[in-house]
């Protein structure tokens, strides 16, 4: 490491010990002020003297007294202390203001159907808070600062983050009303003659097909986009297992007769623990949680 950088690091770390001794007149008084020990204060003070190459205090039985070099350092150390305090207060003040940027990560299905109205309401309430939004089905890493707030859909979240468990959503087998009317009357009891719009499974018979009421229906389409799947189903090419809220926003879809909706995954709001007291982050999380929970009937569908 560069010697200049090392010395600068020593300065910032040791100056509080220097000021505490200068103000208290002894190692013991400084230790009480800083909440440390006599030995810790002495060790840090000697490290600072070694870094500067001068004695800052004369030591005697009655205590410590400033040398000429120590007296010269006092006002400079006080200025540094004042700057650090001012910076802390300034940053804390910013965190209390409803302004600044929040990086939000949201899954693709939520981006077009659910969030625009919710985010428009947030913008109207807090016009000074800017949102940097990433739309992705990949789990953004909160701990690696890829996002400040992440909206996720999962059965369980094991990350070392602060998480709000909002609500579970329902899911069922949906098809277009025309597909149900035209195809189901001629279908076999195990789904013969029907078609699935699948979720990208490469297996010839995925578990979700085998465990369904229609294990003999053909998997005609495999897609990895919930929006594409929903609109394919809407055109009448087949049926698919999908969240109730997706069916709510796509006109013309209906729950397949004889099937039921069941609780599926949970909607989570995640943020790093260091940001939970940051005003702009907390305001966004509170707003998202309130608005999404208000949509409970939409998420639960027939289970509401």
Protein backbone atom coordinates (compact mmCIF):
# COMPACT_ATOMS: atom_id res chain seq x y z
CA UNK A 1 0.00 0.00 0.00
CA UNK A 2 1.19 3.54 -0.76
CA UNK A 3 2.76 5.12 2.33
CA UNK A 4 0.75 8.32 1.86
CA UNK A 5 -2.52 6.40 1.85
CA UNK A 6 -1.44 4.44 4.92
CA UNK A 7 -0.54 7.61 6.84
CA UNK A 8 -3.85 9.21 5.88
CA UNK A 9 -5.71 6.15 7.16
CA UNK A 10 -3.81 6.33 10.45
CA UNK A 11 -4.70 10.02 10.76
CA UNK A 12 -8.46 9.49 10.47
CA UNK A 13 -8.45 6.50 12.79
CA UNK A 14 -6.24 7.94 15.52
CA UNK A 15 -7.20 11.63 15.69
CA UNK A 16 -10.23 11.02 17.98
CA UNK A 17 -7.85 9.50 20.55
CA UNK A 18 -5.53 12.49 20.29
CA UNK A 19 -8.36 14.97 20.85
CA UNK A 20 -9.79 12.99 23.76
CA UNK A 21 -6.41 13.01 25.54
CA UNK A 22 -5.85 16.69 24.76
CA UNK A 23 -9.22 17.53 26.28
CA UNK A 24 -9.08 15.15 29.24
CA UNK A 25 -5.42 15.47 30.17
CA UNK A 26 -4.95 11.73 30.77
CA UNK A 27 -5.31 8.33 29.17
CA UNK A 28 -7.89 7.33 31.71
CA UNK A 29 -10.11 10.37 31.07
CA UNK A 30 -9.83 9.81 27.32
CA UNK A 31 -10.77 6.14 27.74
CA UNK A 32 -13.90 7.09 29.70
CA UNK A 33 -14.89 9.61 27.04
CA UNK A 34 -14.41 7.16 24.16
CA UNK A 35 -15.77 4.12 25.94
CA UNK A 36 -12.53 2.20 25.51
CA UNK A 37 -9.63 1.14 27.68
CA UNK A 38 -6.51 2.89 28.98
CA UNK A 39 -4.33 0.56 26.88
CA UNK A 40 -6.31 1.15 23.68
CA UNK A 41 -5.98 4.92 23.97
CA UNK A 42 -2.24 4.68 24.66
CA UNK A 43 -1.67 2.31 21.72
CA UNK A 44 -3.52 4.55 19.24
CA UNK A 45 -1.82 7.68 20.52
CA UNK A 46 1.65 6.14 20.11
CA UNK A 47 0.71 4.95 16.59
CA UNK A 48 -0.20 8.52 15.65
CA UNK A 49 3.06 9.85 17.05
CA UNK A 50 5.00 7.22 15.11
CA UNK A 51 3.14 8.12 11.92
CA UNK A 52 3.97 11.83 12.33
CA UNK A 53 7.47 11.24 13.69
CA UNK A 54 6.97 13.64 16.62
CA UNK A 55 5.92 13.51 20.26
CA UNK A 56 2.49 15.01 20.77
CA UNK A 57 2.44 14.74 24.57
CA UNK A 58 4.91 14.90 27.43
CA UNK A 59 4.15 12.12 29.90
CA UNK A 60 4.53 12.56 33.65
CA UNK A 61 3.04 11.16 36.84
CA UNK A 62 0.53 13.99 36.87
CA UNK A 63 -0.71 13.15 33.38
CA UNK A 64 -0.06 14.15 29.80
CA UNK A 65 0.62 17.65 28.54
CA UNK A 66 0.76 18.84 24.96
CA UNK A 67 4.11 19.42 23.30
CA UNK A 68 4.58 22.23 20.81
CA UNK A 69 3.73 19.82 18.01
CA UNK A 70 0.65 18.67 19.90
CA UNK A 71 -0.55 22.23 20.40
CA UNK A 72 -0.14 22.88 16.69
CA UNK A 73 -2.17 19.78 15.86
CA UNK A 74 -5.14 20.56 18.13
CA UNK A 75 -6.91 23.17 15.92
CA UNK A 76 -6.31 21.08 12.80
CA UNK A 77 -7.74 17.98 14.48
CA UNK A 78 -10.72 20.00 15.68
CA UNK A 79 -11.39 21.16 12.12
CA UNK A 80 -11.23 17.58 10.88
CA UNK A 81 -13.62 16.49 13.64
CA UNK A 82 -16.03 19.30 12.77
CA UNK A 83 -15.96 18.32 9.09
CA UNK A 84 -16.72 14.69 9.88
CA UNK A 85 -19.62 15.66 12.16
CA UNK A 86 -20.99 18.04 9.52
CA UNK A 87 -20.76 15.34 6.84
CA UNK A 88 -22.58 12.83 9.04
CA UNK A 89 -25.34 15.29 9.82
CA UNK A 90 -25.65 16.28 6.18
CA UNK A 91 -26.01 12.68 5.00
CA UNK A 92 -28.42 11.84 7.79
CA UNK A 93 -30.44 14.87 6.80
CA UNK A 94 -30.60 13.67 3.21
CA UNK A 95 -31.84 10.30 4.39
CA UNK A 96 -34.68 12.07 6.19
CA UNK A 97 -35.76 13.92 3.06
CA UNK A 98 -38.27 12.61 0.54
CA UNK A 99 -35.84 13.08 -2.34
CA UNK A 100 -33.09 11.27 -4.20
CA UNK A 101 -32.95 8.08 -6.25
CA UNK A 102 -34.15 4.59 -5.33
CA UNK A 103 -33.15 1.60 -7.47
CA UNK A 104 -36.10 -0.75 -7.83
CA UNK A 105 -35.97 -4.25 -9.31
CA UNK A 106 -39.25 -5.81 -10.44
CA UNK A 107 -40.15 -9.10 -12.18
CA UNK A 108 -41.24 -8.91 -15.79
CA UNK A 109 -44.91 -9.90 -15.30
CA UNK A 110 -45.48 -7.05 -12.85
CA UNK A 111 -43.92 -4.39 -15.06
CA UNK A 112 -46.74 -3.80 -17.50
CA UNK A 113 -49.93 -4.91 -15.78
CA UNK A 114 -49.59 -4.02 -12.10
CA UNK A 115 -46.92 -1.43 -11.42
CA UNK A 116 -47.53 1.52 -13.77
CA UNK A 117 -50.58 2.76 -11.87
CA UNK A 118 -48.95 2.13 -8.49
CA UNK A 119 -45.77 3.98 -9.47
CA UNK A 120 -47.75 6.85 -10.96
CA UNK A 121 -49.42 7.28 -7.58
CA UNK A 122 -46.04 7.27 -5.87
CA UNK A 123 -44.70 9.92 -8.26
CA UNK A 124 -47.68 12.15 -7.56
CA UNK A 125 -47.16 11.84 -3.79
CA UNK A 126 -43.35 12.18 -3.81
CA UNK A 127 -42.27 14.12 -6.91
CA UNK A 128 -38.68 14.59 -5.65
CA UNK A 129 -37.96 10.85 -5.43
CA UNK A 130 -36.61 9.39 -8.66
CA UNK A 131 -36.88 5.69 -9.50
CA UNK A 132 -34.23 3.73 -11.39
CA UNK A 133 -36.20 0.62 -12.41
CA UNK A 134 -34.78 -2.69 -13.61
CA UNK A 135 -37.24 -5.16 -15.10
CA UNK A 136 -35.86 -8.66 -14.79
CA UNK A 137 -36.84 -12.15 -13.70
CA UNK A 138 -33.33 -12.58 -12.27
CA UNK A 139 -33.08 -12.06 -8.52
CA UNK A 140 -31.14 -8.82 -8.12
CA UNK A 141 -28.62 -9.16 -5.29
CA UNK A 142 -29.51 -6.69 -2.53
CA UNK A 143 -26.32 -7.43 -0.59
CA UNK A 144 -24.18 -6.61 -3.64
CA UNK A 145 -26.03 -3.31 -4.06
CA UNK A 146 -27.55 -4.26 -7.42
CA UNK A 147 -30.85 -2.80 -6.19
CA UNK A 148 -32.10 -0.84 -3.18
CA UNK A 149 -35.55 -2.44 -3.23
CA UNK A 150 -36.52 -5.67 -4.94
CA UNK A 151 -40.00 -6.98 -5.63
CA UNK A 152 -39.82 -10.77 -5.79
CA UNK A 153 -42.14 -13.71 -6.25
CA UNK A 154 -40.92 -16.82 -4.42
CA UNK A 155 -42.00 -19.53 -2.01
CA UNK A 156 -39.31 -18.50 0.46
CA UNK A 157 -36.54 -15.90 0.66
CA UNK A 158 -33.30 -16.91 2.37
CA UNK A 159 -31.20 -13.82 1.60
CA UNK A 160 -29.65 -11.87 4.46
CA UNK A 161 -31.95 -8.90 3.88
CA UNK A 162 -34.97 -7.20 5.38
CA UNK A 163 -38.06 -8.74 3.82
CA UNK A 164 -41.74 -7.87 3.88
CA UNK A 165 -43.96 -10.84 3.14
CA UNK A 166 -46.95 -9.23 1.45
CA UNK A 167 -49.36 -11.95 0.35
CA UNK A 168 -49.70 -15.22 -1.52
CA UNK A 169 -51.43 -15.27 -4.86
CA UNK A 170 -53.74 -17.88 -6.31
CA UNK A 171 -53.11 -19.80 -9.51
CA UNK A 172 -55.16 -22.09 -11.69
CA UNK A 173 -55.69 -23.48 -15.17
CA UNK A 174 -57.04 -20.85 -17.55
CA UNK A 175 -58.13 -20.85 -21.18
CA UNK A 176 -60.00 -18.49 -23.45
CA UNK A 177 -63.77 -18.60 -23.23
CA UNK A 178 -63.95 -19.58 -26.91
CA UNK A 179 -61.42 -22.42 -26.46
CA UNK A 180 -63.43 -23.79 -23.54
CA UNK A 181 -66.69 -23.61 -25.47
CA UNK A 182 -65.35 -25.11 -28.70
CA UNK A 183 -62.77 -27.68 -27.56
CA UNK A 184 -63.70 -29.03 -24.14
CA UNK A 185 -67.00 -30.68 -25.16
CA UNK A 186 -65.04 -33.02 -27.49
CA UNK A 187 -62.05 -33.58 -25.17
CA UNK A 188 -61.28 -36.91 -23.52
CA UNK A 189 -61.47 -37.40 -19.73
CA UNK A 190 -57.69 -37.06 -19.32
CA UNK A 191 -57.34 -34.09 -21.64
CA UNK A 192 -57.15 -35.93 -24.94
CA UNK A 193 -57.63 -33.39 -27.72
CA UNK A 194 -56.56 -30.43 -25.58
CA UNK A 195 -53.33 -28.41 -25.77
CA UNK A 196 -51.11 -26.86 -23.13
CA UNK A 197 -49.21 -23.61 -23.47
CA UNK A 198 -46.23 -24.61 -21.32
CA UNK A 199 -43.66 -22.89 -19.19
CA UNK A 200 -40.44 -23.91 -20.90
CA UNK A 201 -40.04 -27.38 -19.43
CA UNK A 202 -37.94 -29.60 -21.67
CA UNK A 203 -39.23 -32.88 -20.24
CA UNK A 204 -41.72 -34.74 -22.48
CA UNK A 205 -44.23 -34.78 -19.62
CA UNK A 206 -43.50 -32.05 -17.02
CA UNK A 207 -44.67 -32.55 -13.44
CA UNK A 208 -47.24 -29.81 -13.68
CA UNK A 209 -48.83 -31.59 -16.63
CA UNK A 210 -48.71 -35.08 -15.09
CA UNK A 211 -50.22 -33.82 -11.82
CA UNK A 212 -52.97 -31.86 -13.54
CA UNK A 213 -56.49 -33.09 -14.43
CA UNK A 214 -55.33 -33.24 -18.09
CA UNK A 215 -52.14 -35.34 -18.19
CA UNK A 216 -52.79 -36.48 -21.77
CA UNK A 217 -53.17 -33.00 -23.24
CA UNK A 218 -50.43 -32.12 -25.71
CA UNK A 219 -47.77 -29.59 -24.72
CA UNK A 220 -47.93 -27.60 -27.95
CA UNK A 221 -46.10 -24.45 -26.90
CA UNK A 222 -43.22 -23.90 -24.48
CA UNK A 223 -42.50 -20.30 -23.52
CA UNK A 224 -40.61 -18.44 -20.81
CA UNK A 225 -42.58 -15.23 -20.81
CA UNK A 226 -45.71 -15.07 -18.61
CA UNK A 227 -47.07 -12.26 -20.77
CA UNK A 228 -46.58 -14.22 -23.98
CA UNK A 229 -48.16 -17.31 -22.45
CA UNK A 230 -51.21 -15.35 -21.32
CA UNK A 231 -51.73 -13.80 -24.75
CA UNK A 232 -51.22 -17.11 -26.52
CA UNK A 233 -53.92 -18.57 -24.30
CA UNK A 234 -56.14 -15.60 -25.08
CA UNK A 235 -55.89 -16.33 -28.81
CA UNK A 236 -57.37 -19.78 -28.21
CA UNK A 237 -54.38 -22.06 -28.93
CA UNK A 238 -54.58 -23.89 -25.61
CA UNK A 239 -54.76 -23.67 -21.84
CA UNK A 240 -52.13 -22.90 -19.22
CA UNK A 241 -51.48 -22.84 -15.51
CA UNK A 242 -51.14 -19.17 -14.52
CA UNK A 243 -51.59 -16.74 -11.62
CA UNK A 244 -55.10 -15.41 -11.12
CA UNK A 245 -53.87 -11.84 -11.39
CA UNK A 246 -52.50 -12.49 -14.89
CA UNK A 247 -55.90 -13.78 -15.98
CA UNK A 248 -57.50 -10.71 -14.41
CA UNK A 249 -55.60 -8.35 -16.69
CA UNK A 250 -55.99 -10.37 -19.90
CA UNK A 251 -59.56 -10.16 -21.23
CA UNK A 252 -61.40 -13.22 -22.38
CA UNK A 253 -59.74 -15.75 -20.05
CA UNK A 254 -61.69 -18.05 -17.75
CA UNK A 255 -60.91 -20.74 -15.22
CA UNK A 256 -61.21 -24.15 -16.88
CA UNK A 257 -64.43 -25.87 -15.69
CA UNK A 258 -63.93 -28.58 -13.11
CA UNK A 259 -60.61 -27.15 -11.90
CA UNK A 260 -59.79 -25.16 -8.77
CA UNK A 261 -57.52 -22.31 -7.82
CA UNK A 262 -54.81 -23.03 -5.23
CA UNK A 263 -52.43 -20.78 -3.32
CA UNK A 264 -49.09 -20.46 -5.07
CA UNK A 265 -46.00 -18.37 -4.36
CA UNK A 266 -45.64 -15.26 -2.18
CA UNK A 267 -44.97 -11.67 -3.15
CA UNK A 268 -42.04 -10.18 -1.21
CA UNK A 269 -40.51 -6.73 -0.86
CA UNK A 270 -36.81 -6.88 -0.01
CA UNK A 271 -34.27 -4.24 0.98
CA UNK A 272 -30.88 -4.10 2.60
CA UNK A 273 -30.96 -3.61 6.37
CA UNK A 274 -28.74 -0.50 6.09
CA UNK A 275 -31.45 1.24 4.04
CA UNK A 276 -34.54 0.49 6.13
CA UNK A 277 -34.33 3.87 7.88
CA UNK A 278 -33.64 5.83 4.70
CA UNK A 279 -36.74 7.93 4.14
CA UNK A 280 -37.00 7.67 0.35
CA UNK A 281 -36.56 3.89 0.49
CA UNK A 282 -39.03 3.46 3.33
CA UNK A 283 -41.61 5.63 1.56
CA UNK A 284 -41.37 3.52 -1.60
CA UNK A 285 -41.57 0.23 0.30
CA UNK A 286 -44.56 1.44 2.33
CA UNK A 287 -46.34 2.64 -0.81
CA UNK A 288 -45.73 -0.59 -2.73
CA UNK A 289 -46.80 -2.71 0.24
CA UNK A 290 -50.01 -0.74 0.76
CA UNK A 291 -51.03 -0.75 -2.90
CA UNK A 292 -50.18 -4.39 -3.54
CA UNK A 293 -52.03 -5.56 -0.43
CA UNK A 294 -55.03 -3.52 -1.56
CA UNK A 295 -55.06 -5.70 -4.69
CA UNK A 296 -55.53 -8.88 -2.63
CA UNK A 297 -58.83 -9.81 -4.37
CA UNK A 298 -57.08 -9.60 -7.74
CA UNK A 299 -54.17 -11.77 -6.60
CA UNK A 300 -56.40 -14.39 -4.95
CA UNK A 301 -59.00 -14.57 -7.70
CA UNK A 302 -61.81 -17.02 -6.76
CA UNK A 303 -60.11 -17.59 -3.38
CA UNK A 304 -60.79 -13.99 -2.28
